[in-house]
Amino acid sequence: MSLSAYIKKRPSHSTRPAASTGTALKRSIWAILTAGILTMSCQVAYAEKLSVQELQQIVDSIPLKPQWQSLEVTDGESVVLWYKRDQWVGDQAEGDTHYIAFSIIKAIVASGHNPHKEWITLHVNAEQRGFTTLSGEPGVLWFGGTHYSFSRDILVWTPR
């Protein structure tokens, strides 16, 4: 049997009757409405990232605990808690980074912003200097970090 004869004998791919004009119109309206709804839901007011100076001003208002060496702002959304080299950190990194992140979010809210609605991002990491890597280079020990989840409006700890 030739290919052209096979194609003529083969049933069509669709056994459904052709859609009526009303059905096609309904599908078109539905597509337009869906696209409009998706477009509206994606128009969210992004907050401009906090400047390093703004975040540094907030961080400077947080009193250092005795085992902390410093709080370093690395950019408009990240802070590093540096522990003193001679301090045993253990499990306190989670509580310390949570305290710092909560204090920063509280200050942002007090300044009139809504971090949840403005999609503000914040990361606070706990680290300690003074270690040597296997290759002999200066190293850093990372204990973990707390970040603000604007989608769930909560603080989340991520251990190392």
Foldseek 3Di string as FASTA:
>chain_A
DDPVVVVVPDDDPDPDDDDDPVVVVVVVVVVVVVVVVVVVVPPAAADDQAALVRLVVLLVVDDDDPQWPDWDRPGSAEIETEGEQPDDCPPCQVVVQQVSVVSSCVVVVVVPDDCLRNVHKHKYWYKYWDDADPVGHTDMGTQWIWMQDSPVRDIDTDGD
